[in-house]
């Protein structure tokens, strides 16, 4: 079951609200000794999260199907970057990471128990069944918090971003489970941030136009870190950007903070930085080549979620900030504090 994005949490009775977890959506099937973890695109996940199989066997009924999210939780909140590292082809690497940063799964729906198909039953009944079967579950198996109080949901929306959660879900109390239909609602964060423009990628449909702008923020050591891109420009805007950036391309590499990326096409782990271009196992063959510009421009962008040191999704162009110095574009403007609930849910000591 999917969700439709809306701007505001719905008012009135008949809604259950939950935090929107940012991890890997997964269905968990159990049939006796067999446990199968399935991704949203119907791929098996067992081999990537071996540490979850025994706890799932201990916590779940003998035959059931549950819907939830696989996450990795650290003291600073959810860590999607570490979660992505799990999708590694080497089993030895996966085993090592599972020991160093074990995952957890947080459930929010129940589709069946034994011979009972719950999908046609109202959500409030499915929630009661889920609460019952997970009443004695222990970490790393968790039950998501839920409330019918709009005030609590609004409070979650404003505070839970600091934990790496990117919004709040609203589910009809009487709603049935409808696969592949957007029967739930989601309200996601949208924040703004001032970033340095340090380069661009060309538009794949027109090499004379700008496809996306490469964004940077200065860390505590004064290094410009690549935090993501902004894109989704109109055709006219792409051509306008090409002309506008032309003068900033002159001698761009001379003192560019990402010069080593352009010269060597890769960066070592010891530098602790991210390369804005180049292939990786995540790029799936996409052309990530880029062209530098002098890091003198500041742009205000809208983003919905910060995951670790990067924007979780593509940012949206708002406006140029000619009144702001690039050196003022730091991570400090993004700092948020994880809510206490995160530590209570996952049993993390601070």
Protein backbone atom coordinates (compact mmCIF):
# COMPACT_ATOMS: atom_id res chain seq x y z
CA UNK A 1 0.00 0.00 0.00
CA UNK A 2 1.32 3.41 -0.97
CA UNK A 3 0.78 6.98 0.16
CA UNK A 4 -0.29 10.21 -1.51
CA UNK A 5 1.61 13.36 -0.59
CA UNK A 6 -0.45 16.22 0.83
CA UNK A 7 0.49 19.61 2.22
CA UNK A 8 -1.24 19.41 5.61
CA UNK A 9 -2.21 16.74 8.09
CA UNK A 10 -5.95 15.99 7.78
CA UNK A 11 -8.26 17.30 10.50
CA UNK A 12 -11.29 15.64 12.01
CA UNK A 13 -11.90 12.17 13.37
CA UNK A 14 -11.11 8.96 11.60
CA UNK A 15 -7.33 9.21 11.23
CA UNK A 16 -4.36 7.43 12.80
CA UNK A 17 -1.02 9.22 12.60
CA UNK A 18 2.44 7.64 12.59
CA UNK A 19 6.00 8.90 12.11
CA UNK A 20 7.23 8.40 8.54
CA UNK A 21 10.33 6.22 8.79
CA UNK A 22 13.10 6.66 6.25
CA UNK A 23 14.60 3.26 5.56
CA UNK A 24 13.92 0.27 3.33
CA UNK A 25 10.23 -0.58 3.10
CA UNK A 26 9.78 -4.31 3.54
CA UNK A 27 7.18 -7.04 3.85
CA UNK A 28 8.14 -9.84 6.22
CA UNK A 29 6.64 -13.29 5.60
CA UNK A 30 6.91 -16.09 8.13
CA UNK A 31 5.78 -19.67 7.59
CA UNK A 32 7.13 -21.92 10.32
CA UNK A 33 10.90 -21.93 10.13
CA UNK A 34 10.95 -19.96 6.88
CA UNK A 35 11.32 -16.18 7.00
CA UNK A 36 11.34 -14.10 3.85
CA UNK A 37 12.05 -10.35 3.78
CA UNK A 38 10.82 -8.70 0.57
CA UNK A 39 11.61 -5.21 -0.67
CA UNK A 40 9.08 -2.78 -2.08
CA UNK A 41 10.07 -3.84 -5.61
CA UNK A 42 9.63 -7.51 -4.64
CA UNK A 43 13.31 -8.39 -4.29
CA UNK A 44 14.65 -10.64 -1.49
CA UNK A 45 16.49 -8.87 1.32
CA UNK A 46 17.42 -11.76 3.62
CA UNK A 47 21.08 -11.90 2.57
CA UNK A 48 21.58 -8.20 3.29
CA UNK A 49 20.17 -8.29 6.83
CA UNK A 50 21.14 -11.66 8.35
CA UNK A 51 21.06 -10.25 11.88
CA UNK A 52 17.26 -9.77 11.66
CA UNK A 53 16.33 -13.39 10.90
CA UNK A 54 16.71 -14.87 14.40
CA UNK A 55 14.94 -11.95 16.19
CA UNK A 56 12.10 -12.12 13.65
CA UNK A 57 11.77 -15.84 14.30
CA UNK A 58 11.51 -15.18 18.03
CA UNK A 59 9.07 -12.25 17.82
CA UNK A 60 6.59 -13.19 15.10
CA UNK A 61 3.72 -15.71 15.06
CA UNK A 62 4.32 -19.01 13.26
CA UNK A 63 2.47 -17.83 10.14
CA UNK A 64 2.05 -14.15 9.35
CA UNK A 65 2.79 -11.25 7.01
CA UNK A 66 3.82 -7.85 8.40
CA UNK A 67 4.58 -4.53 6.76
CA UNK A 68 7.38 -2.33 8.08
CA UNK A 69 10.62 -0.46 7.55
CA UNK A 70 14.20 -1.61 7.99
CA UNK A 71 16.37 1.10 9.54
CA UNK A 72 19.78 1.61 11.06
CA UNK A 73 19.73 3.79 14.14
CA UNK A 74 22.67 5.73 15.52
CA UNK A 75 22.95 8.32 18.28
CA UNK A 76 22.34 11.09 15.74
CA UNK A 77 19.22 9.39 14.36
CA UNK A 78 18.43 7.17 11.40
CA UNK A 79 21.39 6.55 9.12
CA UNK A 80 20.23 5.87 5.57
CA UNK A 81 23.77 6.09 4.21
CA UNK A 82 24.87 3.09 6.27
CA UNK A 83 21.69 1.29 5.30
CA UNK A 84 22.57 1.67 1.62
CA UNK A 85 25.98 0.12 2.24
CA UNK A 86 24.22 -3.14 3.08
CA UNK A 87 23.31 -3.73 -0.57
CA UNK A 88 26.75 -5.10 -1.21
CA UNK A 89 27.51 -8.11 -3.44
CA UNK A 90 30.07 -9.59 -1.03
CA UNK A 91 28.53 -11.70 1.74
CA UNK A 92 31.62 -11.19 3.92
CA UNK A 93 31.17 -7.42 3.72
CA UNK A 94 27.50 -7.69 4.63
CA UNK A 95 28.33 -9.88 7.66
CA UNK A 96 30.91 -7.37 8.87
CA UNK A 97 28.53 -4.43 8.52
CA UNK A 98 25.74 -6.36 10.25
CA UNK A 99 28.01 -6.73 13.26
CA UNK A 100 29.30 -3.16 13.22
CA UNK A 101 25.95 -1.43 12.56
CA UNK A 102 23.08 -3.86 13.13
CA UNK A 103 19.74 -2.99 11.57
CA UNK A 104 16.32 -2.86 13.20
CA UNK A 105 12.84 -3.29 11.78
CA UNK A 106 9.86 -1.22 12.88
CA UNK A 107 6.44 -2.56 11.95
CA UNK A 108 3.33 -0.51 11.19
CA UNK A 109 0.83 -2.95 9.65
CA UNK A 110 -0.23 -6.59 9.66
CA UNK A 111 -1.60 -8.31 6.58
CA UNK A 112 -2.27 -11.82 7.85
CA UNK A 113 -2.00 -14.10 10.86
CA UNK A 114 -2.37 -17.84 10.49
CA UNK A 115 -5.25 -18.48 8.06
CA UNK A 116 -6.74 -15.05 8.71
CA UNK A 117 -6.35 -12.53 5.87
CA UNK A 118 -6.45 -9.09 7.50
CA UNK A 119 -6.22 -6.98 4.36
CA UNK A 120 -9.99 -6.48 4.11
CA UNK A 121 -10.31 -5.52 7.77
CA UNK A 122 -10.17 -1.88 8.94
CA UNK A 123 -6.82 -0.48 9.95
CA UNK A 124 -7.84 -0.16 13.59
CA UNK A 125 -8.37 -3.94 13.70
CA UNK A 126 -5.05 -4.61 11.97
CA UNK A 127 -3.34 -2.26 14.41
CA UNK A 128 -4.81 -4.11 17.40
CA UNK A 129 -3.57 -7.40 15.98
CA UNK A 130 -0.12 -5.93 15.40
CA UNK A 131 0.04 -4.56 18.95
CA UNK A 132 -0.95 -7.97 20.31
CA UNK A 133 1.64 -10.02 18.41
CA UNK A 134 4.44 -7.53 19.15
CA UNK A 135 3.53 -6.94 22.80
CA UNK A 136 6.59 -8.84 24.01
CA UNK A 137 8.90 -8.09 21.09
CA UNK A 138 12.40 -6.96 21.96
CA UNK A 139 14.97 -4.94 19.99
CA UNK A 140 15.71 -5.02 17.10
CA UNK A 141 11.97 -5.64 16.50
CA UNK A 142 9.78 -2.60 17.17
CA UNK A 143 6.21 -1.34 16.90
CA UNK A 144 5.80 2.14 15.44
CA UNK A 145 4.20 4.79 17.66
CA UNK A 146 0.67 5.78 16.62
CA UNK A 147 -1.82 8.40 17.75
CA UNK A 148 -5.27 9.71 16.86
CA UNK A 149 -4.43 13.12 18.32
CA UNK A 150 -3.71 15.73 15.64
CA UNK A 151 -1.76 17.87 18.13
CA UNK A 152 0.63 15.01 18.87
CA UNK A 153 1.07 14.32 15.16
CA UNK A 154 1.90 17.97 14.50
CA UNK A 155 4.42 17.87 17.32
CA UNK A 156 6.01 14.78 15.80
CA UNK A 157 6.20 16.53 12.44
CA UNK A 158 8.11 19.47 13.88
CA UNK A 159 10.45 17.51 16.16
CA UNK A 160 11.07 14.13 14.56
CA UNK A 161 12.99 15.57 11.62
CA UNK A 162 16.01 15.72 13.89
CA UNK A 163 15.92 11.92 14.07
CA UNK A 164 16.14 11.51 10.33
CA UNK A 165 12.41 10.93 9.87
CA UNK A 166 10.96 12.86 6.97
CA UNK A 167 7.35 13.46 7.91
CA UNK A 168 4.14 11.98 9.28
CA UNK A 169 1.75 9.36 7.84
CA UNK A 170 -2.04 9.63 8.11
CA UNK A 171 -4.06 6.42 7.76
CA UNK A 172 -7.87 6.12 7.71
CA UNK A 173 -9.04 4.28 10.82
CA UNK A 174 -11.55 2.32 8.74
CA UNK A 175 -9.28 1.88 5.70
CA UNK A 176 -8.55 -1.57 4.31
CA UNK A 177 -5.12 -2.63 3.04
CA UNK A 178 -5.06 -1.84 -0.69
CA UNK A 179 -1.87 -3.00 -2.46
CA UNK A 180 -0.42 -0.56 -5.01
CA UNK A 181 -3.03 2.09 -4.19
CA UNK A 182 -2.25 5.43 -2.56
CA UNK A 183 -4.76 5.02 0.23
CA UNK A 184 -2.62 6.61 2.92
CA UNK A 185 -1.53 10.23 3.19
CA UNK A 186 1.95 11.56 3.90
CA UNK A 187 3.07 15.02 4.89
CA UNK A 188 6.78 15.53 4.32
CA UNK A 189 9.13 18.26 5.46
CA UNK A 190 10.18 21.00 3.12
CA UNK A 191 13.01 23.18 4.37
CA UNK A 192 15.19 25.77 2.73
CA UNK A 193 18.95 26.03 2.76
CA UNK A 194 21.60 28.30 1.27
CA UNK A 195 24.25 26.33 -0.64
CA UNK A 196 27.37 27.03 -2.66
CA UNK A 197 27.15 26.17 -6.36
CA UNK A 198 30.45 24.48 -7.21
CA UNK A 199 29.65 22.80 -10.51
CA UNK A 200 26.98 21.46 -12.80
CA UNK A 201 26.04 18.50 -14.94
CA UNK A 202 24.80 18.87 -18.48
CA UNK A 203 21.25 17.98 -19.42
CA UNK A 204 21.15 14.48 -20.90
CA UNK A 205 18.68 15.56 -23.63
CA UNK A 206 20.61 18.68 -24.65
CA UNK A 207 24.36 18.97 -24.07
CA UNK A 208 24.14 22.76 -24.40
CA UNK A 209 21.84 23.03 -21.39
CA UNK A 210 22.38 22.62 -17.64
CA UNK A 211 20.87 19.49 -16.14
CA UNK A 212 21.57 20.04 -12.45
CA UNK A 213 23.61 22.23 -10.13
CA UNK A 214 26.09 20.61 -7.72
CA UNK A 215 25.63 21.95 -4.21
CA UNK A 216 28.11 22.28 -1.37
CA UNK A 217 28.22 23.23 2.32
CA UNK A 218 31.27 24.01 4.42
CA UNK A 219 31.97 21.68 7.33
CA UNK A 220 33.59 22.55 10.67
CA UNK A 221 37.04 22.16 9.11
CA UNK A 222 36.29 24.65 6.36
CA UNK A 223 36.10 21.96 3.65
CA UNK A 224 33.37 22.27 1.03
CA UNK A 225 31.40 19.04 1.08
CA UNK A 226 29.14 17.90 -1.75
CA UNK A 227 25.60 17.68 -0.33
CA UNK A 228 23.49 16.99 -3.40
CA UNK A 229 22.03 18.58 -6.49
CA UNK A 230 19.14 20.78 -7.48
CA UNK A 231 17.35 20.13 -10.74
CA UNK A 232 13.87 19.98 -12.33
CA UNK A 233 14.39 23.14 -14.37
CA UNK A 234 12.28 24.17 -17.34
CA UNK A 235 13.88 24.08 -20.80
CA UNK A 236 14.13 27.86 -20.80
CA UNK A 237 15.74 27.88 -17.36
CA UNK A 238 18.33 25.27 -18.37
CA UNK A 239 19.51 27.38 -21.29
CA UNK A 240 19.46 30.51 -19.15
CA UNK A 241 21.66 28.78 -16.56
CA UNK A 242 24.16 27.77 -19.24
CA UNK A 243 24.61 31.39 -20.25
CA UNK A 244 24.62 32.65 -16.67
CA UNK A 245 27.29 30.19 -15.51
CA UNK A 246 29.60 30.78 -18.46
CA UNK A 247 31.68 33.47 -16.78
CA UNK A 248 32.00 31.39 -13.58
CA UNK A 249 33.56 28.53 -15.56
CA UNK A 250 36.63 30.61 -16.42
CA UNK A 251 39.68 29.33 -14.50
CA UNK A 252 37.27 27.37 -12.32
CA UNK A 253 39.73 24.62 -11.42
CA UNK A 254 42.57 26.93 -10.43
CA UNK A 255 41.68 27.02 -6.74
CA UNK A 256 38.62 24.80 -6.76
CA UNK A 257 38.02 22.82 -3.51
CA UNK A 258 37.01 19.78 -5.59
CA UNK A 259 39.97 19.98 -7.91
CA UNK A 260 41.21 16.52 -7.00
CA UNK A 261 37.91 15.01 -8.15
CA UNK A 262 38.23 16.56 -11.57
CA UNK A 263 41.89 15.56 -11.88
CA UNK A 264 41.75 12.03 -10.52
CA UNK A 265 38.04 11.13 -11.02
CA UNK A 266 37.93 9.55 -7.60
CA UNK A 267 38.60 10.45 -3.99
CA UNK A 268 40.03 8.30 -1.22
CA UNK A 269 38.14 7.38 1.89
CA UNK A 270 40.79 9.14 3.98
CA UNK A 271 39.67 12.51 2.62
CA UNK A 272 36.25 11.96 4.09
CA UNK A 273 34.59 13.68 1.14
CA UNK A 274 32.16 12.73 -1.58
CA UNK A 275 32.88 12.87 -5.24
CA UNK A 276 30.26 14.80 -7.23
CA UNK A 277 31.02 12.81 -10.39
CA UNK A 278 32.15 9.35 -11.35
CA UNK A 279 30.66 5.89 -11.39
CA UNK A 280 29.73 3.75 -8.40
CA UNK A 281 27.60 0.68 -7.85
CA UNK A 282 24.73 3.06 -7.00
CA UNK A 283 24.90 5.05 -10.25
CA UNK A 284 23.78 2.12 -12.45
CA UNK A 285 25.67 3.38 -15.47
CA UNK A 286 24.40 6.95 -15.34
CA UNK A 287 26.65 9.68 -16.70
CA UNK A 288 27.81 11.53 -13.59
CA UNK A 289 30.48 13.63 -15.28
CA UNK A 290 30.47 17.24 -14.15
CA UNK A 291 31.96 20.62 -14.90
CA UNK A 292 33.33 22.91 -12.19
CA UNK A 293 32.45 26.54 -11.64
CA UNK A 294 34.17 28.94 -9.28
CA UNK A 295 32.45 28.47 -5.89
CA UNK A 296 31.30 32.07 -5.69
CA UNK A 297 27.55 31.70 -6.16
CA UNK A 298 25.02 31.03 -3.41
CA UNK A 299 21.64 29.53 -4.15
CA UNK A 300 18.64 29.02 -1.90
CA UNK A 301 17.10 25.59 -2.39
CA UNK A 302 14.15 23.72 -0.92
CA UNK A 303 14.72 20.21 0.39
CA UNK A 304 12.46 17.78 2.18
CA UNK A 305 14.92 15.76 4.21
CA UNK A 306 18.54 15.72 5.31
CA UNK A 307 20.06 12.26 5.61
CA UNK A 308 23.46 12.29 7.25
CA UNK A 309 25.60 14.85 5.47
CA UNK A 310 23.52 14.98 2.26
CA UNK A 311 20.11 15.86 0.93
CA UNK A 312 18.06 12.65 0.78
CA UNK A 313 16.37 13.72 -2.46
CA UNK A 314 16.98 16.23 -5.24
CA UNK A 315 16.65 19.81 -3.97
CA UNK A 316 14.54 22.43 -5.74
CA UNK A 317 15.86 25.80 -6.93
CA UNK A 318 14.32 28.77 -5.11
CA UNK A 319 16.44 31.84 -5.88
CA UNK A 320 19.96 33.20 -6.09
CA UNK A 321 21.35 34.75 -2.90
CA UNK A 322 23.71 37.44 -4.18
CA UNK A 323 23.54 39.02 -0.71
CA UNK A 324 25.21 36.05 0.99
CA UNK A 325 28.86 35.01 1.09
CA UNK A 326 29.71 31.41 0.13
CA UNK A 327 31.67 31.01 3.37
CA UNK A 328 28.43 31.50 5.32
CA UNK A 329 26.92 28.35 3.77
CA UNK A 330 27.65 25.85 6.53
CA UNK A 331 26.02 22.80 8.06
CA UNK A 332 25.06 24.86 11.10
CA UNK A 333 21.91 26.10 9.36
CA UNK A 334 20.70 22.49 9.19
CA UNK A 335 21.37 21.37 12.73
CA UNK A 336 18.43 19.73 14.47
CA UNK A 337 18.27 17.64 17.63
CA UNK A 338 16.90 14.08 17.62
CA UNK A 339 13.78 13.80 19.80
CA UNK A 340 13.87 11.83 23.02
CA UNK A 341 11.29 9.40 21.62
CA UNK A 342 13.86 7.99 19.20
CA UNK A 343 16.08 6.86 22.04
CA UNK A 344 13.11 5.45 23.95
CA UNK A 345 11.82 3.48 20.95
CA UNK A 346 15.14 1.92 20.06
CA UNK A 347 16.59 1.72 23.56
CA UNK A 348 19.61 3.89 22.82
CA UNK A 349 21.44 5.34 25.82
CA UNK A 350 22.70 8.89 25.39
